[in-house]
Amino acid sequence: MTPETLSRHLNDNLTALRSGSLAGDEVSQLSRLSGGANNETWRLNWGDTPLVLRRRPFSADSIASLEGNILGLSLVDEAEVIRLAMATEVPVPAIHAVFDADHPIGEAFLMGFIPGESIPQRWLADDAFEAARASLAFQCGEALAGIHAIDCTQLPESIRPTTLDNRFAAAQKRLHAFGDISPVMQFGLNWLIDGAPDNAPCVLLHGDFRTGNLLINDKGLAGVLDWELAHQGPAEEDLGYLCANVWRFGHLDRPVGGFGHYDDLIAGYASIAGWTPELRSIRYWEIFAAFSWGLVCQTMGALWHSGNGDVERAAVSRRRSEAELDILLLIEEWDDE
């Protein structure tokens, strides 16, 4: 959809905003921001108020038959999860409008704009964020504990508890669907199955809490973005995911997102949750995250070949080799401990 068409649809359909929830009566300064492989992100003003539109550029029905689809929640359900998070101390944007897939805008939601830096290559290295980085791992632990405390009975029907056995079976099905082309991915899945922890109580997980989905200001964590992979599972899964090598952006000496250390993350979590996650459990889920990223890469390639999405998907698919290397190195470290 062109900016002109999108702007026209927004002006025609934002009646709730016209009724007084926000001052203004017309969209201005609409521009496409860099975004993920699944959704578009647009910056705009409604009157004098800066807003962000998150939009899925294709119909979920168009890829419903694609094996290995891991696009996550509908944007309608994602918006509902963000609304639930607003009742906690977790920093999230306000949701102003939600559109389903039948709407002229397409599946989308409109949210408030939170000032901050999201591009990791900037805030991980810029001296202006040095003080923010020092406290960020602790703050991330606090935020994750807040997310995990959200009442799961209030979640959309699409976010139901499941077992590790079911998740492993789904992962095996995807590997088969992709032609069993990666012995390392199969080895990683076998290792995860053999070493799986006992099923812990399920909590709401952000599912994609990582460097790149965090907004940072000079005080640290300003916003938590991109909730499309929210699901239920063991609390340590979110912590291990944040520590995955792929989200360190080259800062390998700082295992928590490329900016912090395990002890600070765990301490921040314990300060809110009232219990202390074990590092070894976090490290297991770090390996799980490496495997999951490999599946994402394969899925992006399948989506590209199916004709859905732009060249970004093809680029992501080439990174499966990085995930394979991470799997091997992390399992070797585990066995040496």
Protein backbone atom coordinates (compact mmCIF):
# COMPACT_ATOMS: atom_id res chain seq x y z
CA MET A 1 0.00 0.00 0.00
CA THR A 2 1.38 3.40 -0.97
CA PRO A 3 1.76 6.16 1.64
CA GLU A 4 -0.89 8.19 -0.18
CA THR A 5 -3.45 5.36 -0.06
CA LEU A 6 -2.68 4.54 3.55
CA SER A 7 -2.97 8.19 4.55
CA ARG A 8 -6.36 8.43 2.84
CA HIS A 9 -7.66 5.30 4.59
CA LEU A 10 -6.48 6.58 7.95
CA ASN A 11 -8.17 9.92 7.46
CA ASP A 12 -11.40 8.16 6.45
CA ASN A 13 -11.43 5.68 9.33
CA LEU A 14 -9.98 7.25 12.47
CA THR A 15 -13.36 8.39 13.74
CA ALA A 16 -12.51 7.42 17.32
CA LEU A 17 -9.63 9.86 17.31
CA ARG A 18 -11.83 12.55 15.79
CA SER A 19 -14.31 12.07 18.62
CA GLY A 20 -11.87 13.45 21.12
CA SER A 21 -9.47 10.78 22.39
CA LEU A 22 -6.71 12.72 20.63
CA ALA A 23 -6.68 16.26 19.32
CA GLY A 24 -6.51 16.53 15.54
CA ASP A 25 -8.45 15.65 12.41
CA GLU A 26 -5.88 14.68 9.78
CA VAL A 27 -2.83 12.49 9.26
CA SER A 28 0.43 14.24 8.46
CA GLN A 29 4.12 13.35 8.11
CA LEU A 30 3.39 9.68 7.34
CA SER A 31 6.62 7.76 6.72
CA ARG A 32 7.70 4.13 6.70
CA LEU A 33 10.16 3.10 9.41
CA SER A 34 12.46 0.13 9.31
CA GLY A 35 10.59 -2.87 10.64
CA GLY A 36 10.58 -6.63 11.02
CA ALA A 37 10.17 -9.31 8.41
CA ASN A 38 6.45 -9.78 9.09
CA ASN A 39 5.00 -6.31 9.68
CA GLU A 40 5.33 -2.74 8.52
CA THR A 41 5.90 0.13 10.94
CA TRP A 42 4.79 3.65 10.05
CA ARG A 43 5.40 6.94 11.88
CA LEU A 44 2.73 9.66 11.57
CA ASN A 45 1.20 12.64 13.30
CA TRP A 46 -2.48 13.02 14.17
CA GLY A 47 -2.73 16.74 14.68
CA ASP A 48 0.22 17.48 16.94
CA THR A 49 0.36 13.98 18.41
CA PRO A 50 3.04 11.56 17.14
CA LEU A 51 1.76 8.01 16.60
CA VAL A 52 3.00 4.69 15.22
CA LEU A 53 1.03 2.32 12.97
CA ARG A 54 1.91 -1.36 13.01
CA ARG A 55 0.49 -3.10 9.94
CA ARG A 56 0.64 -6.59 8.42
CA PRO A 57 1.13 -6.07 4.68
CA PHE A 58 -0.48 -9.35 3.61
CA SER A 59 -3.40 -11.51 4.60
CA ALA A 60 -2.73 -14.36 6.99
CA ASP A 61 -5.09 -16.46 4.85
CA SER A 62 -2.65 -16.18 1.96
CA ILE A 63 -0.08 -18.25 3.84
CA ALA A 64 -2.36 -20.41 5.95
CA SER A 65 -1.33 -23.56 4.07
CA LEU A 66 2.40 -22.90 4.39
CA GLU A 67 4.07 -25.49 6.59
CA GLY A 68 6.18 -24.01 9.34
CA ASN A 69 4.31 -20.70 9.54
CA ILE A 70 5.47 -18.92 12.71
CA LEU A 71 4.11 -15.45 12.10
CA GLY A 72 2.73 -15.29 15.61
CA LEU A 73 -0.35 -13.48 16.86
CA SER A 74 -2.77 -11.52 14.80
CA LEU A 75 -2.21 -7.81 15.29
CA VAL A 76 -5.64 -7.62 16.93
CA ASP A 77 -4.50 -10.06 19.62
CA GLU A 78 -1.09 -8.41 19.88
CA ALA A 79 -2.79 -5.09 20.63
CA GLU A 80 -4.85 -6.78 23.35
CA VAL A 81 -1.71 -8.17 25.02
CA ILE A 82 -0.12 -4.71 24.98
CA ARG A 83 -3.25 -3.32 26.62
CA LEU A 84 -2.90 -5.91 29.39
CA ALA A 85 0.76 -4.96 29.84
CA MET A 86 -0.24 -1.31 30.27
CA ALA A 87 -1.71 -2.23 33.67
CA THR A 88 1.76 -3.26 34.90
CA GLU A 89 4.98 -1.30 35.34
CA VAL A 90 6.21 -2.55 31.95
CA PRO A 91 6.77 0.43 29.61
CA VAL A 92 4.52 -0.04 26.56
CA PRO A 93 2.77 2.37 24.16
CA ALA A 94 -0.92 3.20 24.51
CA ILE A 95 -3.20 1.54 21.95
CA HIS A 96 -5.50 4.06 20.19
CA ALA A 97 -7.15 2.04 17.40
CA VAL A 98 -7.24 -1.56 16.15
CA PHE A 99 -8.19 -2.80 12.65
CA ASP A 100 -8.87 -6.39 11.59
CA ALA A 101 -7.86 -8.03 8.32
CA ASP A 102 -11.13 -7.04 6.61
CA HIS A 103 -10.55 -3.34 7.15
CA PRO A 104 -9.39 -1.16 4.22
CA ILE A 105 -6.21 -0.38 6.20
CA GLY A 106 -5.60 -4.08 6.65
CA GLU A 107 -4.71 -5.87 9.87
CA ALA A 108 -3.14 -3.14 12.00
CA PHE A 109 -3.15 -1.13 15.19
CA LEU A 110 -2.29 2.46 16.02
CA MET A 111 -0.28 3.18 19.13
CA GLY A 112 1.39 6.04 20.93
CA PHE A 113 4.94 7.07 20.12
CA ILE A 114 7.58 6.53 22.83
CA PRO A 115 10.78 8.57 22.38
CA GLY A 116 13.90 6.48 22.42
CA GLU A 117 16.51 4.68 20.33
CA SER A 118 15.72 1.21 19.00
CA ILE A 119 18.60 0.58 16.60
CA PRO A 120 21.07 -1.67 18.50
CA GLN A 121 24.13 -0.59 16.52
CA ARG A 122 23.59 2.91 17.90
CA TRP A 123 22.76 2.49 21.56
CA LEU A 124 25.06 -0.49 22.15
CA ALA A 125 28.11 1.55 21.15
CA ASP A 126 27.29 5.25 21.61
CA ASP A 127 28.89 6.83 24.69
CA ALA A 128 25.67 8.80 25.22
CA PHE A 129 24.00 5.54 26.33
CA GLU A 130 26.80 4.33 28.61
CA ALA A 131 24.88 5.05 31.82
CA ALA A 132 21.73 3.51 30.36
CA ARG A 133 23.56 0.31 29.44
CA ALA A 134 24.91 -0.03 32.98
CA SER A 135 21.43 -0.45 34.48
CA LEU A 136 19.65 -2.00 31.51
CA ALA A 137 20.09 -5.71 32.32
CA PHE A 138 18.57 -5.18 35.78
CA GLN A 139 15.70 -3.18 34.24
CA CYS A 140 15.07 -5.91 31.68
CA GLY A 141 14.83 -8.43 34.50
CA GLU A 142 12.27 -6.20 36.22
CA ALA A 143 10.25 -5.81 33.02
CA LEU A 144 10.21 -9.54 32.31
CA ALA A 145 9.04 -10.27 35.83
CA GLY A 146 6.22 -7.78 35.29
CA ILE A 147 5.21 -9.42 32.02
CA HIS A 148 5.23 -12.87 33.62
CA ALA A 149 2.90 -11.66 36.38
CA ILE A 150 0.10 -10.76 33.92
CA ASP A 151 -3.05 -12.80 34.55
CA CYS A 152 -3.14 -15.48 31.85
CA THR A 153 -6.89 -15.91 32.21
CA GLN A 154 -7.28 -12.47 30.57
CA LEU A 155 -5.33 -13.41 27.44
CA PRO A 156 -6.86 -13.83 23.97
CA GLU A 157 -7.93 -17.38 23.07
CA SER A 158 -4.97 -17.65 20.68
CA ILE A 159 -2.51 -17.65 23.63
CA ARG A 160 -3.10 -20.97 25.34
CA PRO A 161 -0.71 -23.04 27.48
CA THR A 162 1.01 -25.97 25.82
CA THR A 163 3.59 -28.59 26.69
CA LEU A 164 7.21 -28.85 25.67
CA ASP A 165 6.40 -32.17 24.01
CA ASN A 166 3.88 -30.43 21.76
CA ARG A 167 6.35 -27.68 20.92
CA PHE A 168 9.07 -30.18 20.10
CA ALA A 169 6.65 -32.12 17.89
CA ALA A 170 5.73 -28.91 16.05
CA ALA A 171 9.42 -28.10 15.55
CA GLN A 172 10.08 -31.60 14.19
CA LYS A 173 7.18 -31.20 11.79
CA ARG A 174 8.72 -27.96 10.50
CA LEU A 175 12.11 -29.59 9.98
CA HIS A 176 10.43 -32.34 7.96
CA ALA A 177 8.42 -29.77 5.99
CA PHE A 178 11.63 -27.92 5.09
CA GLY A 179 13.09 -31.15 3.70
CA ASP A 180 15.33 -32.13 6.64
CA ILE A 181 18.13 -30.13 5.03
CA SER A 182 20.04 -29.30 8.23
CA PRO A 183 21.66 -32.09 10.28
CA VAL A 184 22.73 -29.50 12.86
CA MET A 185 19.17 -28.31 13.40
CA GLN A 186 18.07 -31.92 13.90
CA PHE A 187 20.95 -32.50 16.30
CA GLY A 188 19.96 -29.38 18.24
CA LEU A 189 16.35 -30.49 18.51
CA ASN A 190 17.38 -33.97 19.66
CA TRP A 191 19.63 -32.42 22.33
CA LEU A 192 16.88 -30.13 23.56
CA ILE A 193 14.45 -33.05 23.81
CA ASP A 194 16.94 -35.20 25.72
CA GLY A 195 17.76 -32.41 28.19
CA ALA A 196 14.29 -30.91 28.54
CA PRO A 197 13.44 -29.65 32.02
CA ASP A 198 10.36 -30.76 33.84
CA ASN A 199 7.39 -28.70 32.72
CA ALA A 200 7.34 -25.55 34.82
CA PRO A 201 4.22 -23.46 35.41
CA CYS A 202 3.26 -21.49 32.31
CA VAL A 203 3.35 -17.70 32.41
CA LEU A 204 2.78 -15.11 29.71
CA LEU A 205 6.01 -14.73 27.75
CA HIS A 206 6.80 -11.76 25.53
CA GLY A 207 8.40 -14.28 23.17
CA ASP A 208 10.65 -11.78 21.38
CA PHE A 209 12.13 -9.74 24.25
CA ARG A 210 15.52 -8.81 22.82
CA THR A 211 17.90 -6.14 21.69
CA GLY A 212 16.18 -4.61 18.68
CA ASN A 213 12.71 -4.73 20.25
CA LEU A 214 13.63 -2.42 23.13
CA LEU A 215 13.49 1.37 23.14
CA ILE A 216 16.35 2.92 25.08
CA ASN A 217 16.77 6.45 26.43
CA ASP A 218 19.42 8.02 28.65
CA LYS A 219 17.90 6.38 31.72
CA GLY A 220 17.65 2.88 30.25
CA LEU A 221 14.56 0.94 29.20
CA ALA A 222 11.90 3.27 27.76
CA GLY A 223 9.66 0.83 25.90
CA VAL A 224 9.05 -2.83 25.06
CA LEU A 225 7.91 -3.38 21.46
CA ASP A 226 6.83 -6.16 19.06
CA TRP A 227 4.65 -8.56 21.05
CA GLU A 228 3.60 -10.72 18.07
CA LEU A 229 5.35 -13.84 19.43
CA ALA A 230 3.73 -13.67 22.89
CA HIS A 231 2.81 -17.12 24.19
CA GLN A 232 2.75 -19.13 27.39
CA GLY A 233 5.73 -21.09 28.71
CA PRO A 234 8.35 -21.32 31.47
CA ALA A 235 9.59 -17.95 32.74
CA GLU A 236 13.25 -18.76 32.06
CA GLU A 237 12.50 -19.02 28.35
CA ASP A 238 12.20 -15.23 27.99
CA LEU A 239 15.42 -14.68 29.95
CA GLY A 240 17.38 -17.17 27.86
CA TYR A 241 16.01 -15.69 24.65
CA LEU A 242 17.34 -12.24 25.57
CA CYS A 243 20.79 -13.81 26.04
CA ALA A 244 20.93 -15.53 22.63
CA ASN A 245 24.06 -14.76 20.65
CA VAL A 246 22.11 -13.42 17.67
CA TRP A 247 20.73 -10.57 19.81
CA ARG A 248 24.14 -9.44 21.11
CA PHE A 249 24.99 -7.78 17.79
CA GLY A 250 28.68 -8.63 18.06
CA HIS A 251 29.13 -7.68 21.73
CA LEU A 252 29.79 -11.28 22.73
CA ASP A 253 31.41 -10.45 26.08
CA ARG A 254 28.06 -9.19 27.43
CA PRO A 255 25.69 -12.15 27.28
CA VAL A 256 22.52 -10.23 28.13
CA GLY A 257 21.59 -8.63 24.84
CA GLY A 258 25.12 -7.39 24.17
CA PHE A 259 24.88 -4.88 27.03
CA GLY A 260 24.79 -6.69 30.38
CA HIS A 261 25.55 -9.74 32.50
CA TYR A 262 23.56 -12.67 33.79
CA ASP A 263 23.83 -11.67 37.46
CA ASP A 264 22.19 -8.27 36.88
CA LEU A 265 19.39 -9.75 34.77
CA ILE A 266 18.64 -12.38 37.42
CA ALA A 267 18.80 -9.85 40.25
CA GLY A 268 16.37 -7.53 38.48
CA TYR A 269 13.98 -10.39 37.88
CA ALA A 270 14.16 -11.62 41.48
CA SER A 271 13.53 -8.10 42.84
CA ILE A 272 10.03 -8.14 41.30
CA ALA A 273 9.14 -11.84 41.01
CA GLY A 274 10.21 -12.83 44.51
CA TRP A 275 12.14 -15.89 43.31
CA THR A 276 15.50 -16.37 41.62
CA PRO A 277 15.83 -18.13 38.26
CA GLU A 278 18.73 -20.56 37.93
CA LEU A 279 21.47 -19.67 35.46
CA ARG A 280 21.70 -23.22 34.10
CA SER A 281 18.01 -23.16 33.23
CA ILE A 282 18.48 -19.82 31.46
CA ARG A 283 21.39 -21.31 29.50
CA TYR A 284 19.19 -24.22 28.36
CA TRP A 285 16.69 -21.74 26.94
CA GLU A 286 19.56 -19.85 25.33
CA ILE A 287 20.25 -22.98 23.28
CA PHE A 288 16.53 -23.31 22.59
CA ALA A 289 16.58 -19.72 21.32
CA ALA A 290 19.44 -20.48 18.92
CA PHE A 291 17.45 -23.42 17.55
CA SER A 292 14.29 -21.31 17.29
CA TRP A 293 16.16 -18.61 15.38
CA GLY A 294 17.31 -21.25 12.93
CA LEU A 295 13.66 -22.23 12.40
CA VAL A 296 12.76 -18.59 11.85
CA CYS A 297 15.45 -18.32 9.19
CA GLN A 298 14.13 -21.40 7.41
CA THR A 299 10.57 -20.12 7.61
CA MET A 300 11.53 -16.74 6.17
CA GLY A 301 13.06 -18.54 3.20
CA ALA A 302 9.91 -20.60 2.70
CA LEU A 303 7.76 -17.48 2.82
CA TRP A 304 9.99 -15.78 0.27
CA HIS A 305 9.77 -18.75 -2.09
CA SER A 306 5.99 -18.83 -1.66
CA GLY A 307 5.79 -15.29 -3.02
CA ASN A 308 4.94 -13.60 0.30
CA GLY A 309 7.07 -10.71 1.47
CA ASP A 310 10.06 -8.76 0.25
CA VAL A 311 13.75 -9.48 -0.13
CA GLU A 312 14.30 -9.03 3.61
CA ARG A 313 12.93 -12.53 4.10
CA ALA A 314 15.44 -13.97 1.66
CA ALA A 315 18.25 -12.18 3.51
CA VAL A 316 17.11 -13.55 6.88
CA SER A 317 16.90 -17.09 5.52
CA ARG A 318 20.64 -17.04 4.78
CA ARG A 319 21.42 -16.62 8.47
CA ARG A 320 20.49 -20.19 9.39
CA SER A 321 24.19 -21.06 9.26
CA GLU A 322 24.83 -18.63 12.14
CA ALA A 323 22.19 -20.36 14.23
CA GLU A 324 23.70 -23.75 13.44
CA LEU A 325 27.12 -22.58 14.63
CA ASP A 326 25.61 -21.15 17.82
CA ILE A 327 23.86 -24.46 18.54
CA LEU A 328 27.11 -26.40 18.25
CA LEU A 329 29.18 -23.97 20.33
CA LEU A 330 26.59 -23.61 23.07
CA ILE A 331 26.13 -27.37 23.43
CA GLU A 332 29.91 -27.80 23.60
CA GLU A 333 30.08 -25.18 26.38
CA TRP A 334 27.22 -26.91 28.21
CA ASP A 335 28.98 -30.28 28.07
CA ASP A 336 32.23 -28.72 29.35
CA GLU A 337 30.61 -27.17 32.44
